[in-house]
Amino acid sequence: KNMIPFDERKPMDPSGVRVGTPALTTRGMGADEMRRIGAWMLDALQHADDAERLQRIRGEVSEMCGHFPVPASAMSCSA
């Protein structure tokens, strides 16, 4: 059970979404990036029917990810 901190409801009746950060910190992202990601999530949820806005968000996410690449060791594979 991965409860939402301070949620008064039971684990099987959650009132929100818990977002993990390990994948972000592994890439070197910090608090500023976390806030930006949260803003994108809210923006996308509030404008889920606006394809143009979602495309803009997608582009901004891709641009930010370019500044924080996945560590090479996590991407290595044998061919």
PDB file of N, CA and C in Angstrom:
ATOM      1  N   LYS A   1       0.844  -1.181   0.000  1.00  0.00           N
ATOM      2  CA  LYS A   1       0.000   0.000   0.000  1.00  0.00           C
ATOM      3  C   LYS A   1       0.882   1.234   0.000  1.00  0.00           C
ATOM      4  N   ASN A   2       0.645   2.093  -0.930  1.00  0.00           N
ATOM      5  CA  ASN A   2       1.427   3.305  -1.082  1.00  0.00           C
ATOM      6  C   ASN A   2       0.489   4.488  -0.870  1.00  0.00           C
ATOM      7  N   MET A   3       0.196   4.751   0.382  1.00  0.00           N
ATOM      8  CA  MET A   3      -0.791   5.769   0.718  1.00  0.00           C
ATOM      9  C   MET A   3      -0.322   7.181   0.377  1.00  0.00           C
ATOM     10  N   ILE A   4      -1.292   8.046   0.208  1.00  0.00           N
ATOM     11  CA  ILE A   4      -1.022   9.461  -0.002  1.00  0.00           C
ATOM     12  C   ILE A   4      -0.786  10.073   1.373  1.00  0.00           C
ATOM     13  N   PRO A   5       0.336  10.769   1.569  1.00  0.00           N
ATOM     14  CA  PRO A   5       0.617  11.366   2.882  1.00  0.00           C
ATOM     15  C   PRO A   5      -0.520  12.262   3.358  1.00  0.00           C
ATOM     16  N   PHE A   6      -0.877  12.102   4.600  1.00  0.00           N
ATOM     17  CA  PHE A   6      -1.900  12.903   5.281  1.00  0.00           C
ATOM     18  C   PHE A   6      -3.309  12.705   4.730  1.00  0.00           C
ATOM     19  N   ASP A   7      -3.524  11.710   3.882  1.00  0.00           N
ATOM     20  CA  ASP A   7      -4.855  11.435   3.353  1.00  0.00           C
ATOM     21  C   ASP A   7      -5.679  10.783   4.455  1.00  0.00           C
ATOM     22  N   GLU A   8      -6.824  11.346   4.744  1.00  0.00           N
ATOM     23  CA  GLU A   8      -7.680  10.813   5.807  1.00  0.00           C
ATOM     24  C   GLU A   8      -8.515   9.632   5.327  1.00  0.00           C
ATOM     25  N   ARG A   9      -8.577   9.422   4.025  1.00  0.00           N
ATOM     26  CA  ARG A   9      -9.350   8.307   3.495  1.00  0.00           C
ATOM     27  C   ARG A   9      -8.504   7.038   3.497  1.00  0.00           C
ATOM     28  N   LYS A  10      -9.157   5.903   3.385  1.00  0.00           N
ATOM     29  CA  LYS A  10      -8.479   4.608   3.415  1.00  0.00           C
ATOM     30  C   LYS A  10      -7.728   4.352   2.103  1.00  0.00           C
ATOM     31  N   PRO A  11      -6.693   3.493   2.144  1.00  0.00           N
ATOM     32  CA  PRO A  11      -5.892   3.214   0.945  1.00  0.00           C
ATOM     33  C   PRO A  11      -6.715   2.733  -0.251  1.00  0.00           C
ATOM     34  N   MET A  12      -7.792   2.013  -0.004  1.00  0.00           N
ATOM     35  CA  MET A  12      -8.611   1.509  -1.103  1.00  0.00           C
ATOM     36  C   MET A  12      -9.626   2.542  -1.583  1.00  0.00           C
ATOM     37  N   ASP A  13      -9.646   3.724  -0.964  1.00  0.00           N
ATOM     38  CA  ASP A  13     -10.551   4.811  -1.338  1.00  0.00           C
ATOM     39  C   ASP A  13      -9.758   6.116  -1.336  1.00  0.00           C
ATOM     40  N   PRO A  14      -8.738   6.218  -2.187  1.00  0.00           N
ATOM     41  CA  PRO A  14      -7.848   7.387  -2.162  1.00  0.00           C
ATOM     42  C   PRO A  14      -8.526   8.645  -2.686  1.00  0.00           C
ATOM     43  N   SER A  15      -7.958   9.770  -2.321  1.00  0.00           N
ATOM     44  CA  SER A  15      -8.523  11.052  -2.748  1.00  0.00           C
ATOM     45  C   SER A  15      -7.570  11.824  -3.656  1.00  0.00           C
ATOM     46  N   GLY A  16      -6.518  11.180  -4.125  1.00  0.00           N
ATOM     47  CA  GLY A  16      -5.561  11.892  -4.966  1.00  0.00           C
ATOM     48  C   GLY A  16      -4.584  10.944  -5.624  1.00  0.00           C
ATOM     49  N   VAL A  17      -3.517  11.512  -6.136  1.00  0.00           N
ATOM     50  CA  VAL A  17      -2.477  10.752  -6.824  1.00  0.00           C
ATOM     51  C   VAL A  17      -1.150  11.030  -6.144  1.00  0.00           C
ATOM     52  N   ARG A  18      -0.408   9.988  -5.860  1.00  0.00           N
ATOM     53  CA  ARG A  18       0.921  10.151  -5.286  1.00  0.00           C
ATOM     54  C   ARG A  18       1.933  10.000  -6.420  1.00  0.00           C
ATOM     55  N   VAL A  19       2.765  10.998  -6.575  1.00  0.00           N
ATOM     56  CA  VAL A  19       3.749  10.990  -7.651  1.00  0.00           C
ATOM     57  C   VAL A  19       5.122  10.743  -7.056  1.00  0.00           C
ATOM     58  N   GLY A  20       5.805   9.724  -7.537  1.00  0.00           N
ATOM     59  CA  GLY A  20       7.148   9.415  -7.058  1.00  0.00           C
ATOM     60  C   GLY A  20       8.196  10.257  -7.769  1.00  0.00           C
ATOM     61  N   THR A  21       9.319  10.456  -7.116  1.00  0.00           N
ATOM     62  CA  THR A  21      10.366  11.304  -7.682  1.00  0.00           C
ATOM     63  C   THR A  21      11.684  10.599  -7.999  1.00  0.00           C
ATOM     64  N   PRO A  22      11.891   9.321  -7.682  1.00  0.00           N
ATOM     65  CA  PRO A  22      13.191   8.705  -7.935  1.00  0.00           C
ATOM     66  C   PRO A  22      13.670   8.803  -9.386  1.00  0.00           C
ATOM     67  N   ALA A  23      12.791   8.612 -10.343  1.00  0.00           N
ATOM     68  CA  ALA A  23      13.215   8.699 -11.746  1.00  0.00           C
ATOM     69  C   ALA A  23      13.678  10.108 -12.100  1.00  0.00           C
ATOM     70  N   LEU A  24      13.092  11.099 -11.453  1.00  0.00           N
ATOM     71  CA  LEU A  24      13.471  12.484 -11.733  1.00  0.00           C
ATOM     72  C   LEU A  24      14.798  12.833 -11.082  1.00  0.00           C
ATOM     73  N   THR A  25      14.978  12.428  -9.838  1.00  0.00           N
ATOM     74  CA  THR A  25      16.230  12.752  -9.155  1.00  0.00           C
ATOM     75  C   THR A  25      17.402  11.989  -9.771  1.00  0.00           C
ATOM     76  N   THR A  26      17.146  10.796 -10.297  1.00  0.00           N
ATOM     77  CA  THR A  26      18.193  10.031 -10.977  1.00  0.00           C
ATOM     78  C   THR A  26      18.723  10.800 -12.184  1.00  0.00           C
ATOM     79  N   ARG A  27      17.844  11.559 -12.808  1.00  0.00           N
ATOM     80  CA  ARG A  27      18.241  12.361 -13.975  1.00  0.00           C
ATOM     81  C   ARG A  27      18.830  13.705 -13.570  1.00  0.00           C
ATOM     82  N   GLY A  28      18.866  14.001 -12.275  1.00  0.00           N
ATOM     83  CA  GLY A  28      19.452  15.245 -11.800  1.00  0.00           C
ATOM     84  C   GLY A  28      18.466  16.380 -11.629  1.00  0.00           C
ATOM     85  N   MET A  29      17.184  16.086 -11.713  1.00  0.00           N
ATOM     86  CA  MET A  29      16.177  17.129 -11.539  1.00  0.00           C
ATOM     87  C   MET A  29      16.025  17.466 -10.067  1.00  0.00           C
ATOM     88  N   GLY A  30      15.644  18.694  -9.798  1.00  0.00           N
ATOM     89  CA  GLY A  30      15.467  19.158  -8.431  1.00  0.00           C
ATOM     90  C   GLY A  30      14.087  19.745  -8.208  1.00  0.00           C
ATOM     91  N   ALA A  31      13.966  20.543  -7.161  1.00  0.00           N
ATOM     92  CA  ALA A  31      12.677  21.105  -6.755  1.00  0.00           C
ATOM     93  C   ALA A  31      12.050  21.977  -7.841  1.00  0.00           C
ATOM     94  N   ASP A  32      12.847  22.767  -8.529  1.00  0.00           N
ATOM     95  CA  ASP A  32      12.294  23.629  -9.580  1.00  0.00           C
ATOM     96  C   ASP A  32      11.653  22.802 -10.690  1.00  0.00           C
ATOM     97  N   GLU A  33      12.323  21.733 -11.079  1.00  0.00           N
ATOM     98  CA  GLU A  33      11.780  20.867 -12.126  1.00  0.00           C
ATOM     99  C   GLU A  33      10.531  20.144 -11.640  1.00  0.00           C
ATOM    100  N   MET A  34      10.519  19.736 -10.370  1.00  0.00           N
ATOM    101  CA  MET A  34       9.340  19.066  -9.808  1.00  0.00           C
ATOM    102  C   MET A  34       8.132  20.005  -9.858  1.00  0.00           C
ATOM    103  N   ARG A  35       8.353  21.270  -9.499  1.00  0.00           N
ATOM    104  CA  ARG A  35       7.254  22.239  -9.548  1.00  0.00           C
ATOM    105  C   ARG A  35       6.754  22.416 -10.980  1.00  0.00           C
ATOM    106  N   ARG A  36       7.672  22.462 -11.919  1.00  0.00           N
ATOM    107  CA  ARG A  36       7.287  22.632 -13.326  1.00  0.00           C
ATOM    108  C   ARG A  36       6.489  21.429 -13.809  1.00  0.00           C
ATOM    109  N   ILE A  37       6.915  20.240 -13.427  1.00  0.00           N
ATOM    110  CA  ILE A  37       6.201  19.021 -13.815  1.00  0.00           C
ATOM    111  C   ILE A  37       4.794  19.026 -13.225  1.00  0.00           C
ATOM    112  N   GLY A  38       4.674  19.430 -11.968  1.00  0.00           N
ATOM    113  CA  GLY A  38       3.355  19.534 -11.347  1.00  0.00           C
ATOM    114  C   GLY A  38       2.461  20.515 -12.085  1.00  0.00           C
ATOM    115  N   ALA A  39       3.031  21.635 -12.506  1.00  0.00           N
ATOM    116  CA  ALA A  39       2.263  22.630 -13.259  1.00  0.00           C
ATOM    117  C   ALA A  39       1.806  22.053 -14.601  1.00  0.00           C
ATOM    118  N   TRP A  40       2.684  21.292 -15.261  1.00  0.00           N
ATOM    119  CA  TRP A  40       2.295  20.657 -16.524  1.00  0.00           C
ATOM    120  C   TRP A  40       1.163  19.659 -16.303  1.00  0.00           C
ATOM    121  N   MET A  41       1.257  18.883 -15.235  1.00  0.00           N
ATOM    122  CA  MET A  41       0.208  17.903 -14.947  1.00  0.00           C
ATOM    123  C   MET A  41      -1.131  18.600 -14.752  1.00  0.00           C
ATOM    124  N   LEU A  42      -1.139  19.662 -13.963  1.00  0.00           N
ATOM    125  CA  LEU A  42      -2.373  20.410 -13.719  1.00  0.00           C
ATOM    126  C   LEU A  42      -2.894  21.009 -15.022  1.00  0.00           C
ATOM    127  N   ASP A  43      -2.012  21.623 -15.793  1.00  0.00           N
ATOM    128  CA  ASP A  43      -2.393  22.233 -17.064  1.00  0.00           C
ATOM    129  C   ASP A  43      -3.004  21.188 -17.997  1.00  0.00           C
ATOM    130  N   ALA A  44      -2.371  20.023 -18.093  1.00  0.00           N
ATOM    131  CA  ALA A  44      -2.871  18.958 -18.969  1.00  0.00           C
ATOM    132  C   ALA A  44      -4.231  18.441 -18.505  1.00  0.00           C
ATOM    133  N   LEU A  45      -4.405  18.288 -17.203  1.00  0.00           N
ATOM    134  CA  LEU A  45      -5.689  17.812 -16.686  1.00  0.00           C
ATOM    135  C   LEU A  45      -6.797  18.836 -16.901  1.00  0.00           C
ATOM    136  N   GLN A  46      -6.475  20.106 -16.729  1.00  0.00           N
ATOM    137  CA  GLN A  46      -7.482  21.158 -16.891  1.00  0.00           C
ATOM    138  C   GLN A  46      -7.831  21.411 -18.355  1.00  0.00           C
ATOM    139  N   HIS A  47      -6.960  21.011 -19.263  1.00  0.00           N
ATOM    140  CA  HIS A  47      -7.180  21.259 -20.689  1.00  0.00           C
ATOM    141  C   HIS A  47      -7.032  19.976 -21.504  1.00  0.00           C
ATOM    142  N   ALA A  48      -7.547  18.888 -20.963  1.00  0.00           N
ATOM    143  CA  ALA A  48      -7.392  17.573 -21.592  1.00  0.00           C
ATOM    144  C   ALA A  48      -7.996  17.499 -22.990  1.00  0.00           C
ATOM    145  N   ASP A  49      -8.932  18.383 -23.305  1.00  0.00           N
ATOM    146  CA  ASP A  49      -9.576  18.355 -24.619  1.00  0.00           C
ATOM    147  C   ASP A  49      -8.963  19.353 -25.605  1.00  0.00           C
ATOM    148  N   ASP A  50      -7.870  19.981 -25.227  1.00  0.00           N
ATOM    149  CA  ASP A  50      -7.211  20.990 -26.063  1.00  0.00           C
ATOM    150  C   ASP A  50      -5.930  20.396 -26.651  1.00  0.00           C
ATOM    151  N   ALA A  51      -6.047  19.814 -27.843  1.00  0.00           N
ATOM    152  CA  ALA A  51      -4.918  19.116 -28.468  1.00  0.00           C
ATOM    153  C   ALA A  51      -3.718  20.032 -28.686  1.00  0.00           C
ATOM    154  N   GLU A  52      -3.967  21.273 -29.037  1.00  0.00           N
ATOM    155  CA  GLU A  52      -2.865  22.209 -29.273  1.00  0.00           C
ATOM    156  C   GLU A  52      -2.097  22.490 -27.983  1.00  0.00           C
ATOM    157  N   ARG A  53      -2.825  22.661 -26.907  1.00  0.00           N
ATOM    158  CA  ARG A  53      -2.171  22.921 -25.615  1.00  0.00           C
ATOM    159  C   ARG A  53      -1.379  21.699 -25.161  1.00  0.00           C
ATOM    160  N   LEU A  54      -1.961  20.522 -25.325  1.00  0.00           N
ATOM    161  CA  LEU A  54      -1.264  19.295 -24.940  1.00  0.00           C
ATOM    162  C   LEU A  54       0.003  19.102 -25.768  1.00  0.00           C
ATOM    163  N   GLN A  55      -0.047  19.468 -27.028  1.00  0.00           N
ATOM    164  CA  GLN A  55       1.139  19.370 -27.882  1.00  0.00           C
ATOM    165  C   GLN A  55       2.220  20.333 -27.400  1.00  0.00           C
ATOM    166  N   ARG A  56       1.829  21.524 -26.969  1.00  0.00           N
ATOM    167  CA  ARG A  56       2.791  22.498 -26.445  1.00  0.00           C
ATOM    168  C   ARG A  56       3.443  21.957 -25.182  1.00  0.00           C
ATOM    169  N   ILE A  57       2.631  21.385 -24.290  1.00  0.00           N
ATOM    170  CA  ILE A  57       3.160  20.801 -23.055  1.00  0.00           C
ATOM    171  C   ILE A  57       4.140  19.682 -23.400  1.00  0.00           C
ATOM    172  N   ARG A  58       3.763  18.832 -24.343  1.00  0.00           N
ATOM    173  CA  ARG A  58       4.631  17.721 -24.759  1.00  0.00           C
ATOM    174  C   ARG A  58       5.984  18.249 -25.238  1.00  0.00           C
ATOM    175  N   GLY A  59       5.962  19.319 -25.997  1.00  0.00           N
ATOM    176  CA  GLY A  59       7.203  19.915 -26.481  1.00  0.00           C
ATOM    177  C   GLY A  59       8.059  20.460 -25.349  1.00  0.00           C
ATOM    178  N   GLU A  60       7.420  21.109 -24.371  1.00  0.00           N
ATOM    179  CA  GLU A  60       8.154  21.649 -23.223  1.00  0.00           C
ATOM    180  C   GLU A  60       8.766  20.530 -22.389  1.00  0.00           C
ATOM    181  N   VAL A  61       8.020  19.441 -22.233  1.00  0.00           N
ATOM    182  CA  VAL A  61       8.535  18.284 -21.490  1.00  0.00           C
ATOM    183  C   VAL A  61       9.756  17.709 -22.211  1.00  0.00           C
ATOM    184  N   SER A  62       9.645  17.534 -23.516  1.00  0.00           N
ATOM    185  CA  SER A  62      10.767  16.997 -24.294  1.00  0.00           C
ATOM    186  C   SER A  62      11.995  17.888 -24.186  1.00  0.00           C
ATOM    187  N   GLU A  63      11.773  19.203 -24.235  1.00  0.00           N
ATOM    188  CA  GLU A  63      12.894  20.133 -24.129  1.00  0.00           C
ATOM    189  C   GLU A  63      13.577  20.011 -22.769  1.00  0.00           C
ATOM    190  N   MET A  64      12.787  19.953 -21.697  1.00  0.00           N
ATOM    191  CA  MET A  64      13.381  19.834 -20.371  1.00  0.00           C
ATOM    192  C   MET A  64      14.127  18.504 -20.230  1.00  0.00           C
ATOM    193  N   CYS A  65      13.542  17.425 -20.738  1.00  0.00           N
ATOM    194  CA  CYS A  65      14.199  16.120 -20.639  1.00  0.00           C
ATOM    195  C   CYS A  65      15.537  16.117 -21.367  1.00  0.00           C
ATOM    196  N   GLY A  66      15.661  16.920 -22.411  1.00  0.00           N
ATOM    197  CA  GLY A  66      16.925  17.020 -23.124  1.00  0.00           C
ATOM    198  C   GLY A  66      18.041  17.588 -22.265  1.00  0.00           C
ATOM    199  N   HIS A  67      17.668  18.376 -21.261  1.00  0.00           N
ATOM    200  CA  HIS A  67      18.656  18.955 -20.344  1.00  0.00           C
ATOM    201  C   HIS A  67      19.021  17.989 -19.210  1.00  0.00           C
ATOM    202  N   PHE A  68      18.225  16.923 -19.051  1.00  0.00           N
ATOM    203  CA  PHE A  68      18.430  15.950 -17.976  1.00  0.00           C
ATOM    204  C   PHE A  68      18.364  14.540 -18.559  1.00  0.00           C
ATOM    205  N   PRO A  69      19.376  14.130 -19.312  1.00  0.00           N
ATOM    206  CA  PRO A  69      19.331  12.810 -19.951  1.00  0.00           C
ATOM    207  C   PRO A  69      19.358  11.666 -18.938  1.00  0.00           C
ATOM    208  N   VAL A  70      18.825  10.543 -19.377  1.00  0.00           N
ATOM    209  CA  VAL A  70      18.873   9.334 -18.559  1.00  0.00           C
ATOM    210  C   VAL A  70      20.338   8.922 -18.456  1.00  0.00           C
ATOM    211  N   PRO A  71      20.816   8.601 -17.261  1.00  0.00           N
ATOM    212  CA  PRO A  71      22.220   8.190 -17.115  1.00  0.00           C
ATOM    213  C   PRO A  71      22.559   7.033 -18.057  1.00  0.00           C
ATOM    214  N   ALA A  72      23.745   7.077 -18.636  1.00  0.00           N
ATOM    215  CA  ALA A  72      24.162   6.078 -19.626  1.00  0.00           C
ATOM    216  C   ALA A  72      24.108   4.659 -19.083  1.00  0.00           C
ATOM    217  N   SER A  73      24.443   4.482 -17.816  1.00  0.00           N
ATOM    218  CA  SER A  73      24.451   3.126 -17.257  1.00  0.00           C
ATOM    219  C   SER A  73      23.066   2.503 -17.280  1.00  0.00           C
ATOM    220  N   ALA A  74      22.038   3.312 -17.168  1.00  0.00           N
ATOM    221  CA  ALA A  74      20.672   2.798 -17.195  1.00  0.00           C
ATOM    222  C   ALA A  74      20.241   2.450 -18.615  1.00  0.00           C
ATOM    223  N   MET A  75      20.921   2.995 -19.605  1.00  0.00           N
ATOM    224  CA  MET A  75      20.543   2.778 -20.992  1.00  0.00           C
ATOM    225  C   MET A  75      21.427   1.761 -21.702  1.00  0.00           C
ATOM    226  N   SER A  76      22.463   1.270 -21.036  1.00  0.00           N
ATOM    227  CA  SER A  76      23.373   0.349 -21.711  1.00  0.00           C
ATOM    228  C   SER A  76      22.711  -1.003 -21.944  1.00  0.00           C
ATOM    229  N   CYS A  77      22.995  -1.572 -23.087  1.00  0.00           N
ATOM    230  CA  CYS A  77      22.482  -2.899 -23.403  1.00  0.00           C
ATOM    231  C   CYS A  77      23.451  -3.564 -24.372  1.00  0.00           C
ATOM    232  N   SER A  78      23.416  -4.860 -24.412  1.00  0.00           N
ATOM    233  CA  SER A  78      24.296  -5.570 -25.342  1.00  0.00           C
ATOM    234  C   SER A  78      23.522  -5.893 -26.608  1.00  0.00           C
ATOM    235  N   ALA A  79      24.191  -5.761 -27.737  1.00  0.00           N
ATOM    236  CA  ALA A  79      23.519  -6.007 -29.024  1.00  0.00           C
ATOM    237  C   ALA A  79      23.879  -7.363 -29.568  1.00  0.00           C
TER     238      ALA A  79
END
